[in-house]
Each structure stands twice: as C-alpha cells, then as structure tokens.
Protein backbone atom coordinates (compact mmCIF):
# COMPACT_ATOMS: atom_id res chain seq x y z
CA UNK A 1 170.21 2.93 -23.01
CA UNK A 2 168.23 5.08 -25.41
CA UNK A 3 165.70 7.75 -24.49
CA UNK A 4 163.37 9.55 -26.85
CA UNK A 5 160.99 12.44 -27.13
CA UNK A 6 158.71 13.61 -29.91
CA UNK A 7 158.03 17.13 -31.14
CA UNK A 8 155.06 17.94 -33.35
CA UNK A 9 154.90 21.41 -34.90
CA UNK A 10 152.03 22.89 -36.92
CA UNK A 11 152.21 26.14 -38.84
CA UNK A 12 154.80 28.84 -39.29
CA UNK A 13 157.62 29.57 -36.86
CA UNK A 14 155.97 32.64 -35.35
CA UNK A 15 152.26 31.85 -35.59
CA UNK A 16 152.45 28.08 -35.29
CA UNK A 17 152.44 25.93 -32.21
CA UNK A 18 153.64 22.54 -31.17
CA UNK A 19 153.72 19.98 -28.45
CA UNK A 20 156.34 17.74 -26.88
CA UNK A 21 155.91 14.21 -25.54
CA UNK A 22 158.57 12.18 -23.76
CA UNK A 23 158.96 8.43 -23.62
CA UNK A 24 158.13 8.36 -19.89
CA UNK A 25 155.04 10.53 -20.32
CA UNK A 26 156.34 13.22 -17.96
CA UNK A 27 155.78 15.55 -20.87
CA UNK A 28 152.59 14.59 -22.65
CA UNK A 29 151.63 16.88 -25.50
CA UNK A 30 153.19 19.76 -23.54
CA UNK A 31 152.62 22.98 -25.42
CA UNK A 32 155.42 25.10 -26.86
CA UNK A 33 155.33 28.04 -29.24
CA UNK A 34 157.11 31.20 -30.35
CA UNK A 35 155.36 32.94 -27.47
CA UNK A 36 156.53 30.44 -24.83
CA UNK A 37 160.06 30.60 -26.21
CA UNK A 38 160.60 34.30 -26.85
CA UNK A 39 157.86 36.01 -24.84
CA UNK A 40 155.85 35.10 -21.73
CA UNK A 41 153.45 32.61 -23.27
CA UNK A 42 152.12 29.48 -21.63
CA UNK A 43 154.11 26.33 -22.26
CA UNK A 44 157.73 25.25 -22.26
CA UNK A 45 160.64 25.85 -24.61
CA UNK A 46 163.84 24.07 -25.65
CA UNK A 47 166.12 26.27 -23.53
CA UNK A 48 164.09 25.66 -20.37
CA UNK A 49 164.30 21.93 -21.01
CA UNK A 50 168.08 22.14 -21.52
CA UNK A 51 168.34 24.04 -18.21
CA UNK A 52 166.33 21.35 -16.41
CA UNK A 53 168.40 18.58 -17.96
CA UNK A 54 171.70 20.24 -17.07
CA UNK A 55 170.68 21.04 -13.47
CA UNK A 56 169.43 17.50 -12.92
CA UNK A 57 172.41 15.81 -14.54
CA UNK A 58 174.92 17.96 -12.66
CA UNK A 59 173.24 17.37 -9.27
CA UNK A 60 173.14 13.62 -9.84
CA UNK A 61 176.79 13.47 -10.99
CA UNK A 62 177.87 15.52 -7.96
CA UNK A 63 175.91 13.18 -5.69
CA UNK A 64 177.75 10.19 -7.17
CA UNK A 65 181.06 12.03 -6.70
CA UNK A 66 180.26 12.82 -3.07
CA UNK A 67 179.10 9.28 -2.32
CA UNK A 68 182.27 7.89 -3.90
CA UNK A 69 184.31 10.11 -1.59
CA UNK A 70 182.37 8.92 1.48
CA UNK A 71 179.95 11.86 1.90
CA UNK A 72 176.16 11.88 1.81
CA UNK A 73 174.66 15.16 0.69
CA UNK A 74 171.62 16.28 2.64
CA UNK A 75 170.57 18.51 -0.25
CA UNK A 76 171.96 19.69 -3.57
CA UNK A 77 169.93 22.57 -4.98
CA UNK A 78 171.15 23.31 -8.52
CA UNK A 79 169.60 26.12 -10.52
CA UNK A 80 170.67 26.31 -14.16
CA UNK A 81 170.31 29.35 -16.36
CA UNK A 82 170.68 28.97 -20.12
CA UNK A 83 171.74 32.10 -22.01
CA UNK A 84 170.26 32.13 -25.51
CA UNK A 85 171.37 34.95 -27.82
CA UNK A 86 171.39 35.41 -31.58
CA UNK A 87 169.99 31.94 -32.18
CA UNK A 88 172.71 30.21 -30.13
CA UNK A 89 172.98 28.77 -26.62
CA UNK A 90 175.85 30.95 -25.38
CA UNK A 91 176.22 29.69 -21.81
CA UNK A 92 174.94 27.36 -19.13
CA UNK A 93 175.39 28.70 -15.61
CA UNK A 94 174.66 26.58 -12.55
CA UNK A 95 174.17 28.11 -9.09
CA UNK A 96 174.48 25.42 -6.43
CA UNK A 97 173.50 25.50 -2.77
CA UNK A 98 174.73 22.37 -1.03
CA UNK A 99 174.38 20.84 2.40
CA UNK A 100 177.09 18.21 2.80
CA UNK A 101 178.09 17.42 6.38
CA UNK A 102 181.77 16.89 7.15
CA UNK A 103 183.35 17.78 3.82
CA UNK A 104 186.16 20.32 3.47
CA UNK A 105 185.81 23.27 1.12
CA UNK A 106 188.80 22.08 -0.89
CA UNK A 107 187.50 18.55 -1.41
CA UNK A 108 184.03 19.86 -2.25
CA UNK A 109 185.49 22.25 -4.86
CA UNK A 110 187.30 19.34 -6.56
CA UNK A 111 184.15 17.21 -6.69
CA UNK A 112 182.07 20.13 -8.02
CA UNK A 113 184.61 20.79 -10.78
CA UNK A 114 184.57 17.13 -11.79
CA UNK A 115 180.75 17.16 -11.97
CA UNK A 116 180.82 20.39 -13.98
CA UNK A 117 183.12 18.87 -16.59
CA UNK A 118 181.97 15.25 -16.56
CA UNK A 119 178.21 15.16 -16.22
CA UNK A 120 176.86 13.82 -19.53
CA UNK A 121 174.86 16.96 -20.32
CA UNK A 122 177.95 19.15 -19.80
CA UNK A 123 179.77 16.92 -22.24
CA UNK A 124 176.92 17.21 -24.76
CA UNK A 125 176.70 21.01 -24.64
CA UNK A 126 178.94 23.00 -26.94
CA UNK A 127 178.90 26.15 -24.83
CA UNK A 128 180.52 27.95 -21.92
CA UNK A 129 179.68 26.19 -18.64
CA UNK A 130 180.21 27.64 -15.18
CA UNK A 131 179.24 26.63 -11.66
CA UNK A 132 179.14 28.79 -8.56
CA UNK A 133 178.37 27.25 -5.20
CA UNK A 134 177.58 27.82 -1.57
CA UNK A 135 178.43 25.02 0.84
CA UNK A 136 176.64 24.94 4.20
C-alpha cells in the first residue's frame, strides 16, 4: 500500500503560503502558512497533521489489540498533542479516554502500551511518545 499527498508552496517562508492535497481528497488545496503554523492563522500545519495521524493510528491499533483479546471498545477518544520546539518535534503525547466493558485495568494497560509502541505512526516518529489514559 502506498499513500500520497502533495504540498505546493509559493513565496518565502514567512510571507508565502501553500496548500496541501491528499490522495483521497479529504484535504483538497487546504491552506497552510507561517501564520497557521506559528501564530493563529487560518489553515492547517504539519504538526497538527502529525497529531491527527498519531491519534488515529494509535486508536485503531488499540482497537485491534482489544478485539484480539476478546473486548469490543464502546469508544476510544485519543487526543494527541505534538510539542514542537526549536525546529524539532520534541514529543507526542496522547491522552486517552476509553470505554471498554469487562476488561481489567492490568490487561488494558498492557494493550495500551503495545499500541503506544507498535502503531505504525509511533514507529515512524523519532521522538518521545507517552500515553496517559482513563478507563471507564
């Protein structure tokens, strides 16, 4: 499987602007700029997209782990925060709220740890990764 996206940038780093388009069309000439990355401008930015990818990948991997162990999650709510400092992604932190009937805290902790380490986006990131969770 191969997935692709396209970035088009026009102008200088600070005054320029660009747009992103994904193969599926979910992003279609979606605006990004210095302002949307480092200030409060309209549009997306690479770090926000990494956060979305990591939250989604982690939640899906955990769902597979839970299903493999015989549990069906009612909801996995994963919020990822990317810390970007000095031109480097320093950390990816996931806060998870999970509703998984019938699972023990110990078994859930094991499955969360496996998802943290083994989801493909975790493997791709060269940064500190941490997950905190609340099981209800």
